[in-house]
């Protein structure tokens, strides 16, 4: 999400989730899919070069960064918001 999009008041924001565990490609795809199932999440994807960072775009009127983090930690992963 660009700064311009944030300024436009489109109602969306983003958060970065740092995951402590080392995940393979398939596990990362699974986590992305699970996070995208959270109501209000529009897109979840891992950074291409820093595979421990997942970027999540969401509508804060429909969900929270805390709910996104809970969805990740429910998968027996250690993670925090940054």
PDB file of N, CA and C in Angstrom:
ATOM      1  N   UNK A   1       0.850  -1.169   0.000  1.00  0.00           N
ATOM      2  CA  UNK A   1       0.000   0.000   0.000  1.00  0.00           C
ATOM      3  C   UNK A   1       0.895   1.230   0.000  1.00  0.00           C
ATOM      4  N   UNK A   2       0.594   2.158  -0.857  1.00  0.00           N
ATOM      5  CA  UNK A   2       1.398   3.369  -0.956  1.00  0.00           C
ATOM      6  C   UNK A   2       0.919   4.415   0.035  1.00  0.00           C
ATOM      7  N   UNK A   3       1.767   5.401   0.272  1.00  0.00           N
ATOM      8  CA  UNK A   3       1.403   6.503   1.161  1.00  0.00           C
ATOM      9  C   UNK A   3       0.190   7.234   0.599  1.00  0.00           C
ATOM     10  N   UNK A   4       0.142   7.367  -0.720  1.00  0.00           N
ATOM     11  CA  UNK A   4      -0.991   8.048  -1.349  1.00  0.00           C
ATOM     12  C   UNK A   4      -2.302   7.324  -1.070  1.00  0.00           C
ATOM     13  N   UNK A   5      -2.272   5.996  -1.117  1.00  0.00           N
ATOM     14  CA  UNK A   5      -3.482   5.225  -0.828  1.00  0.00           C
ATOM     15  C   UNK A   5      -3.914   5.421   0.620  1.00  0.00           C
ATOM     16  N   UNK A   6      -2.960   5.448   1.536  1.00  0.00           N
ATOM     17  CA  UNK A   6      -3.298   5.667   2.937  1.00  0.00           C
ATOM     18  C   UNK A   6      -3.901   7.055   3.143  1.00  0.00           C
ATOM     19  N   UNK A   7      -3.344   8.042   2.465  1.00  0.00           N
ATOM     20  CA  UNK A   7      -3.842   9.405   2.609  1.00  0.00           C
ATOM     21  C   UNK A   7      -5.206   9.599   1.973  1.00  0.00           C
ATOM     22  N   UNK A   8      -5.535   8.757   1.004  1.00  0.00           N
ATOM     23  CA  UNK A   8      -6.794   8.939   0.289  1.00  0.00           C
ATOM     24  C   UNK A   8      -8.002   8.565   1.135  1.00  0.00           C
ATOM     25  N   UNK A   9      -7.757   7.960   2.290  1.00  0.00           N
ATOM     26  CA  UNK A   9      -8.865   7.608   3.167  1.00  0.00           C
ATOM     27  C   UNK A   9      -9.676   6.433   2.661  1.00  0.00           C
ATOM     28  N   UNK A  10      -8.998   5.474   2.009  1.00  0.00           N
ATOM     29  CA  UNK A  10      -9.711   4.331   1.453  1.00  0.00           C
ATOM     30  C   UNK A  10     -10.124   3.318   2.519  1.00  0.00           C
ATOM     31  N   UNK A  11      -9.810   3.607   3.790  1.00  0.00           N
ATOM     32  CA  UNK A  11     -10.241   2.736   4.864  1.00  0.00           C
ATOM     33  C   UNK A  11      -9.393   1.505   5.055  1.00  0.00           C
ATOM     34  N   UNK A  12      -8.261   1.415   4.369  1.00  0.00           N
ATOM     35  CA  UNK A  12      -7.400   0.249   4.515  1.00  0.00           C
ATOM     36  C   UNK A  12      -6.086   0.655   5.152  1.00  0.00           C
ATOM     37  N   UNK A  13      -5.483  -0.309   5.812  1.00  0.00           N
ATOM     38  CA  UNK A  13      -4.182  -0.095   6.432  1.00  0.00           C
ATOM     39  C   UNK A  13      -3.399  -1.388   6.316  1.00  0.00           C
ATOM     40  N   UNK A  14      -2.180  -1.369   6.788  1.00  0.00           N
ATOM     41  CA  UNK A  14      -1.353  -2.556   6.704  1.00  0.00           C
ATOM     42  C   UNK A  14      -0.576  -2.768   7.979  1.00  0.00           C
ATOM     43  N   UNK A  15      -0.136  -3.996   8.156  1.00  0.00           N
ATOM     44  CA  UNK A  15       0.663  -4.359   9.317  1.00  0.00           C
ATOM     45  C   UNK A  15       1.701  -5.377   8.865  1.00  0.00           C
ATOM     46  N   UNK A  16       2.835  -5.390   9.556  1.00  0.00           N
ATOM     47  CA  UNK A  16       3.870  -6.379   9.285  1.00  0.00           C
ATOM     48  C   UNK A  16       3.908  -7.336  10.472  1.00  0.00           C
ATOM     49  N   UNK A  17       3.862  -8.625  10.156  1.00  0.00           N
ATOM     50  CA  UNK A  17       3.928  -9.666  11.177  1.00  0.00           C
ATOM     51  C   UNK A  17       5.287 -10.350  11.065  1.00  0.00           C
ATOM     52  N   UNK A  18       6.038 -10.339  12.148  1.00  0.00           N
ATOM     53  CA  UNK A  18       7.333 -11.017  12.194  1.00  0.00           C
ATOM     54  C   UNK A  18       7.107 -12.411  12.765  1.00  0.00           C
ATOM     55  N   UNK A  19       7.463 -13.440  12.011  1.00  0.00           N
ATOM     56  CA  UNK A  19       7.296 -14.820  12.453  1.00  0.00           C
ATOM     57  C   UNK A  19       8.667 -15.375  12.799  1.00  0.00           C
ATOM     58  N   UNK A  20       8.806 -15.902  14.004  1.00  0.00           N
ATOM     59  CA  UNK A  20      10.103 -16.358  14.497  1.00  0.00           C
ATOM     60  C   UNK A  20      10.573 -17.643  13.829  1.00  0.00           C
ATOM     61  N   UNK A  21       9.641 -18.539  13.533  1.00  0.00           N
ATOM     62  CA  UNK A  21      10.011 -19.820  12.966  1.00  0.00           C
ATOM     63  C   UNK A  21      10.419 -19.687  11.495  1.00  0.00           C
ATOM     64  N   UNK A  22      11.270 -20.588  11.050  1.00  0.00           N
ATOM     65  CA  UNK A  22      11.642 -20.651   9.639  1.00  0.00           C
ATOM     66  C   UNK A  22      10.606 -21.519   8.931  1.00  0.00           C
ATOM     67  N   UNK A  23       9.948 -20.962   7.918  1.00  0.00           N
ATOM     68  CA  UNK A  23       8.872 -21.654   7.216  1.00  0.00           C
ATOM     69  C   UNK A  23       9.289 -21.942   5.776  1.00  0.00           C
ATOM     70  N   UNK A  24       8.898 -23.112   5.284  1.00  0.00           N
ATOM     71  CA  UNK A  24       9.144 -23.398   3.878  1.00  0.00           C
ATOM     72  C   UNK A  24       8.061 -22.736   3.031  1.00  0.00           C
ATOM     73  N   UNK A  25       8.222 -22.797   1.710  1.00  0.00           N
ATOM     74  CA  UNK A  25       7.279 -22.126   0.805  1.00  0.00           C
ATOM     75  C   UNK A  25       5.844 -22.569   1.025  1.00  0.00           C
ATOM     76  N   UNK A  26       5.633 -23.854   1.176  1.00  0.00           N
ATOM     77  CA  UNK A  26       4.271 -24.362   1.326  1.00  0.00           C
ATOM     78  C   UNK A  26       3.643 -23.872   2.631  1.00  0.00           C
ATOM     79  N   UNK A  27       4.412 -23.871   3.695  1.00  0.00           N
ATOM     80  CA  UNK A  27       3.894 -23.409   4.991  1.00  0.00           C
ATOM     81  C   UNK A  27       3.560 -21.920   4.922  1.00  0.00           C
ATOM     82  N   UNK A  28       4.399 -21.129   4.248  1.00  0.00           N
ATOM     83  CA  UNK A  28       4.113 -19.692   4.090  1.00  0.00           C
ATOM     84  C   UNK A  28       2.817 -19.489   3.312  1.00  0.00           C
ATOM     85  N   UNK A  29       2.620 -20.267   2.249  1.00  0.00           N
ATOM     86  CA  UNK A  29       1.383 -20.146   1.468  1.00  0.00           C
ATOM     87  C   UNK A  29       0.166 -20.501   2.309  1.00  0.00           C
ATOM     88  N   UNK A  30       0.298 -21.518   3.145  1.00  0.00           N
ATOM     89  CA  UNK A  30      -0.802 -21.906   4.025  1.00  0.00           C
ATOM     90  C   UNK A  30      -1.142 -20.774   4.994  1.00  0.00           C
ATOM     91  N   UNK A  31      -0.120 -20.171   5.584  1.00  0.00           N
ATOM     92  CA  UNK A  31      -0.341 -19.076   6.531  1.00  0.00           C
ATOM     93  C   UNK A  31      -0.977 -17.882   5.822  1.00  0.00           C
ATOM     94  N   UNK A  32      -0.510 -17.562   4.622  1.00  0.00           N
ATOM     95  CA  UNK A  32      -1.119 -16.469   3.854  1.00  0.00           C
ATOM     96  C   UNK A  32      -2.607 -16.735   3.633  1.00  0.00           C
ATOM     97  N   UNK A  33      -2.938 -17.946   3.233  1.00  0.00           N
ATOM     98  CA  UNK A  33      -4.344 -18.297   2.972  1.00  0.00           C
ATOM     99  C   UNK A  33      -5.184 -18.189   4.236  1.00  0.00           C
ATOM    100  N   UNK A  34      -4.665 -18.667   5.356  1.00  0.00           N
ATOM    101  CA  UNK A  34      -5.412 -18.604   6.609  1.00  0.00           C
ATOM    102  C   UNK A  34      -5.639 -17.158   7.045  1.00  0.00           C
ATOM    103  N   UNK A  35      -4.641 -16.328   6.907  1.00  0.00           N
ATOM    104  CA  UNK A  35      -4.786 -14.928   7.305  1.00  0.00           C
ATOM    105  C   UNK A  35      -5.772 -14.222   6.380  1.00  0.00           C
ATOM    106  N   UNK A  36      -5.750 -14.546   5.101  1.00  0.00           N
ATOM    107  CA  UNK A  36      -6.686 -13.918   4.162  1.00  0.00           C
ATOM    108  C   UNK A  36      -8.137 -14.316   4.432  1.00  0.00           C
ATOM    109  N   UNK A  37      -8.354 -15.351   5.234  1.00  0.00           N
ATOM    110  CA  UNK A  37      -9.710 -15.754   5.597  1.00  0.00           C
ATOM    111  C   UNK A  37     -10.287 -14.895   6.716  1.00  0.00           C
ATOM    112  N   UNK A  38      -9.448 -14.113   7.390  1.00  0.00           N
ATOM    113  CA  UNK A  38      -9.929 -13.218   8.440  1.00  0.00           C
ATOM    114  C   UNK A  38     -10.773 -12.134   7.775  1.00  0.00           C
ATOM    115  N   UNK A  39     -11.991 -11.954   8.271  1.00  0.00           N
ATOM    116  CA  UNK A  39     -12.864 -10.936   7.697  1.00  0.00           C
ATOM    117  C   UNK A  39     -12.198  -9.571   7.775  1.00  0.00           C
ATOM    118  N   UNK A  40     -12.153  -8.879   6.641  1.00  0.00           N
ATOM    119  CA  UNK A  40     -11.541  -7.561   6.575  1.00  0.00           C
ATOM    120  C   UNK A  40     -10.140  -7.565   5.997  1.00  0.00           C
ATOM    121  N   UNK A  41      -9.489  -8.728   5.949  1.00  0.00           N
ATOM    122  CA  UNK A  41      -8.150  -8.815   5.350  1.00  0.00           C
ATOM    123  C   UNK A  41      -8.311  -8.853   3.838  1.00  0.00           C
ATOM    124  N   UNK A  42      -7.590  -7.975   3.167  1.00  0.00           N
ATOM    125  CA  UNK A  42      -7.683  -7.915   1.707  1.00  0.00           C
ATOM    126  C   UNK A  42      -6.513  -8.605   1.023  1.00  0.00           C
ATOM    127  N   UNK A  43      -5.363  -8.685   1.704  1.00  0.00           N
ATOM    128  CA  UNK A  43      -4.199  -9.313   1.079  1.00  0.00           C
ATOM    129  C   UNK A  43      -3.173  -9.634   2.154  1.00  0.00           C
ATOM    130  N   UNK A  44      -2.574 -10.820   2.063  1.00  0.00           N
ATOM    131  CA  UNK A  44      -1.498 -11.222   2.969  1.00  0.00           C
ATOM    132  C   UNK A  44      -0.417 -11.882   2.130  1.00  0.00           C
ATOM    133  N   UNK A  45       0.817 -11.461   2.337  1.00  0.00           N
ATOM    134  CA  UNK A  45       1.911 -12.022   1.553  1.00  0.00           C
ATOM    135  C   UNK A  45       3.223 -11.866   2.308  1.00  0.00           C
ATOM    136  N   UNK A  46       4.129 -12.815   2.088  1.00  0.00           N
ATOM    137  CA  UNK A  46       5.443 -12.757   2.706  1.00  0.00           C
ATOM    138  C   UNK A  46       6.383 -11.936   1.850  1.00  0.00           C
ATOM    139  N   UNK A  47       7.275 -11.212   2.501  1.00  0.00           N
ATOM    140  CA  UNK A  47       8.314 -10.465   1.822  1.00  0.00           C
ATOM    141  C   UNK A  47       9.159 -11.449   1.016  1.00  0.00           C
ATOM    142  N   UNK A  48       9.484 -11.092  -0.212  1.00  0.00           N
ATOM    143  CA  UNK A  48      10.200 -12.007  -1.100  1.00  0.00           C
ATOM    144  C   UNK A  48      11.619 -12.304  -0.655  1.00  0.00           C
ATOM    145  N   UNK A  49      12.256 -11.403   0.045  1.00  0.00           N
ATOM    146  CA  UNK A  49      13.645 -11.624   0.457  1.00  0.00           C
ATOM    147  C   UNK A  49      13.798 -11.869   1.958  1.00  0.00           C
ATOM    148  N   UNK A  50      12.842 -11.427   2.729  1.00  0.00           N
ATOM    149  CA  UNK A  50      12.884 -11.645   4.178  1.00  0.00           C
ATOM    150  C   UNK A  50      11.669 -12.489   4.539  1.00  0.00           C
ATOM    151  N   UNK A  51      11.818 -13.785   4.415  1.00  0.00           N
ATOM    152  CA  UNK A  51      10.699 -14.723   4.492  1.00  0.00           C
ATOM    153  C   UNK A  51      10.045 -14.798   5.863  1.00  0.00           C
ATOM    154  N   UNK A  52      10.597 -14.163   6.848  1.00  0.00           N
ATOM    155  CA  UNK A  52      10.004 -14.173   8.187  1.00  0.00           C
ATOM    156  C   UNK A  52       9.034 -12.998   8.383  1.00  0.00           C
ATOM    157  N   UNK A  53       8.902 -12.142   7.367  1.00  0.00           N
ATOM    158  CA  UNK A  53       8.016 -10.981   7.468  1.00  0.00           C
ATOM    159  C   UNK A  53       6.819 -11.146   6.537  1.00  0.00           C
ATOM    160  N   UNK A  54       5.629 -11.069   7.114  1.00  0.00           N
ATOM    161  CA  UNK A  54       4.404 -11.137   6.333  1.00  0.00           C
ATOM    162  C   UNK A  54       3.710  -9.780   6.406  1.00  0.00           C
ATOM    163  N   UNK A  55       3.350  -9.261   5.246  1.00  0.00           N
ATOM    164  CA  UNK A  55       2.656  -7.985   5.140  1.00  0.00           C
ATOM    165  C   UNK A  55       1.173  -8.283   4.952  1.00  0.00           C
ATOM    166  N   UNK A  56       0.342  -7.622   5.742  1.00  0.00           N
ATOM    167  CA  UNK A  56      -1.093  -7.873   5.681  1.00  0.00           C
ATOM    168  C   UNK A  56      -1.814  -6.538   5.504  1.00  0.00           C
ATOM    169  N   UNK A  57      -2.595  -6.443   4.438  1.00  0.00           N
ATOM    170  CA  UNK A  57      -3.447  -5.283   4.200  1.00  0.00           C
ATOM    171  C   UNK A  57      -4.848  -5.619   4.697  1.00  0.00           C
ATOM    172  N   UNK A  58      -5.457  -4.678   5.410  1.00  0.00           N
ATOM    173  CA  UNK A  58      -6.776  -4.959   5.983  1.00  0.00           C
ATOM    174  C   UNK A  58      -7.559  -3.680   6.203  1.00  0.00           C
ATOM    175  N   UNK A  59      -8.844  -3.864   6.417  1.00  0.00           N
ATOM    176  CA  UNK A  59      -9.757  -2.768   6.715  1.00  0.00           C
ATOM    177  C   UNK A  59      -9.921  -2.719   8.233  1.00  0.00           C
ATOM    178  N   UNK A  60      -9.409  -1.678   8.902  1.00  0.00           N
ATOM    179  CA  UNK A  60      -9.468  -1.623  10.361  1.00  0.00           C
ATOM    180  C   UNK A  60     -10.887  -1.472  10.916  1.00  0.00           C
ATOM    181  N   UNK A  61     -11.846  -1.185  10.041  1.00  0.00           N
ATOM    182  CA  UNK A  61     -13.241  -1.126  10.496  1.00  0.00           C
ATOM    183  C   UNK A  61     -13.832  -2.521  10.623  1.00  0.00           C
ATOM    184  N   UNK A  62     -13.164  -3.518  10.021  1.00  0.00           N
ATOM    185  CA  UNK A  62     -13.707  -4.877  10.014  1.00  0.00           C
ATOM    186  C   UNK A  62     -12.877  -5.868  10.812  1.00  0.00           C
ATOM    187  N   UNK A  63     -11.622  -5.564  11.075  1.00  0.00           N
ATOM    188  CA  UNK A  63     -10.777  -6.438  11.880  1.00  0.00           C
ATOM    189  C   UNK A  63      -9.671  -5.602  12.501  1.00  0.00           C
ATOM    190  N   UNK A  64      -8.823  -6.246  13.269  1.00  0.00           N
ATOM    191  CA  UNK A  64      -7.742  -5.526  13.947  1.00  0.00           C
ATOM    192  C   UNK A  64      -6.417  -6.245  13.727  1.00  0.00           C
ATOM    193  N   UNK A  65      -5.343  -5.525  13.975  1.00  0.00           N
ATOM    194  CA  UNK A  65      -4.029  -6.151  13.873  1.00  0.00           C
ATOM    195  C   UNK A  65      -3.895  -7.270  14.905  1.00  0.00           C
ATOM    196  N   UNK A  66      -4.537  -7.108  16.052  1.00  0.00           N
ATOM    197  CA  UNK A  66      -4.516  -8.157  17.074  1.00  0.00           C
ATOM    198  C   UNK A  66      -5.176  -9.437  16.597  1.00  0.00           C
ATOM    199  N   UNK A  67      -6.278  -9.326  15.878  1.00  0.00           N
ATOM    200  CA  UNK A  67      -6.954 -10.510  15.342  1.00  0.00           C
ATOM    201  C   UNK A  67      -6.085 -11.191  14.286  1.00  0.00           C
ATOM    202  N   UNK A  68      -5.395 -10.399  13.488  1.00  0.00           N
ATOM    203  CA  UNK A  68      -4.486 -10.977  12.492  1.00  0.00           C
ATOM    204  C   UNK A  68      -3.371 -11.741  13.189  1.00  0.00           C
ATOM    205  N   UNK A  69      -2.791 -11.151  14.214  1.00  0.00           N
ATOM    206  CA  UNK A  69      -1.736 -11.829  14.970  1.00  0.00           C
ATOM    207  C   UNK A  69      -2.260 -13.110  15.605  1.00  0.00           C
ATOM    208  N   UNK A  70      -3.470 -13.070  16.161  1.00  0.00           N
ATOM    209  CA  UNK A  70      -4.056 -14.275  16.769  1.00  0.00           C
ATOM    210  C   UNK A  70      -4.201 -15.399  15.736  1.00  0.00           C
ATOM    211  N   UNK A  71      -4.585 -15.057  14.524  1.00  0.00           N
ATOM    212  CA  UNK A  71      -4.730 -16.079  13.483  1.00  0.00           C
ATOM    213  C   UNK A  71      -3.383 -16.750  13.211  1.00  0.00           C
ATOM    214  N   UNK A  72      -2.309 -15.988  13.234  1.00  0.00           N
ATOM    215  CA  UNK A  72      -0.969 -16.556  13.008  1.00  0.00           C
ATOM    216  C   UNK A  72      -0.555 -17.423  14.191  1.00  0.00           C
ATOM    217  N   UNK A  73      -0.719 -16.920  15.401  1.00  0.00           N
ATOM    218  CA  UNK A  73      -0.260 -17.669  16.570  1.00  0.00           C
ATOM    219  C   UNK A  73      -1.107 -18.911  16.832  1.00  0.00           C
ATOM    220  N   UNK A  74      -2.330 -18.960  16.330  1.00  0.00           N
ATOM    221  CA  UNK A  74      -3.154 -20.170  16.447  1.00  0.00           C
ATOM    222  C   UNK A  74      -2.547 -21.340  15.670  1.00  0.00           C
ATOM    223  N   UNK A  75      -1.598 -21.032  14.791  1.00  0.00           N
ATOM    224  CA  UNK A  75      -0.947 -22.068  13.986  1.00  0.00           C
ATOM    225  C   UNK A  75       0.319 -22.584  14.667  1.00  0.00           C
ATOM    226  N   UNK A  76       0.389 -22.404  15.971  1.00  0.00           N
ATOM    227  CA  UNK A  76       1.562 -22.804  16.777  1.00  0.00           C
ATOM    228  C   UNK A  76       2.834 -22.126  16.312  1.00  0.00           C
ATOM    229  N   UNK A  77       2.716 -20.858  15.953  1.00  0.00           N
ATOM    230  CA  UNK A  77       3.866 -20.053  15.558  1.00  0.00           C
ATOM    231  C   UNK A  77       4.070 -18.939  16.586  1.00  0.00           C
ATOM    232  N   UNK A  78       5.304 -18.542  16.738  1.00  0.00           N
ATOM    233  CA  UNK A  78       5.631 -17.404  17.586  1.00  0.00           C
ATOM    234  C   UNK A  78       5.786 -16.201  16.679  1.00  0.00           C
ATOM    235  N   UNK A  79       5.022 -15.163  16.942  1.00  0.00           N
ATOM    236  CA  UNK A  79       5.014 -13.997  16.064  1.00  0.00           C
ATOM    237  C   UNK A  79       4.693 -12.751  16.858  1.00  0.00           C
ATOM    238  N   UNK A  80       5.055 -11.608  16.269  1.00  0.00           N
ATOM    239  CA  UNK A  80       4.727 -10.323  16.857  1.00  0.00           C
ATOM    240  C   UNK A  80       4.521  -9.315  15.741  1.00  0.00           C
ATOM    241  N   UNK A  81       3.796  -8.257  16.073  1.00  0.00           N
ATOM    242  CA  UNK A  81       3.550  -7.179  15.121  1.00  0.00           C
ATOM    243  C   UNK A  81       4.735  -6.221  15.163  1.00  0.00           C
ATOM    244  N   UNK A  82       5.147  -5.747  13.990  1.00  0.00           N
ATOM    245  CA  UNK A  82       6.218  -4.723  13.961  1.00  0.00           C
ATOM    246  C   UNK A  82       5.785  -3.585  13.063  1.00  0.00           C
TER     247      UNK A  82
END
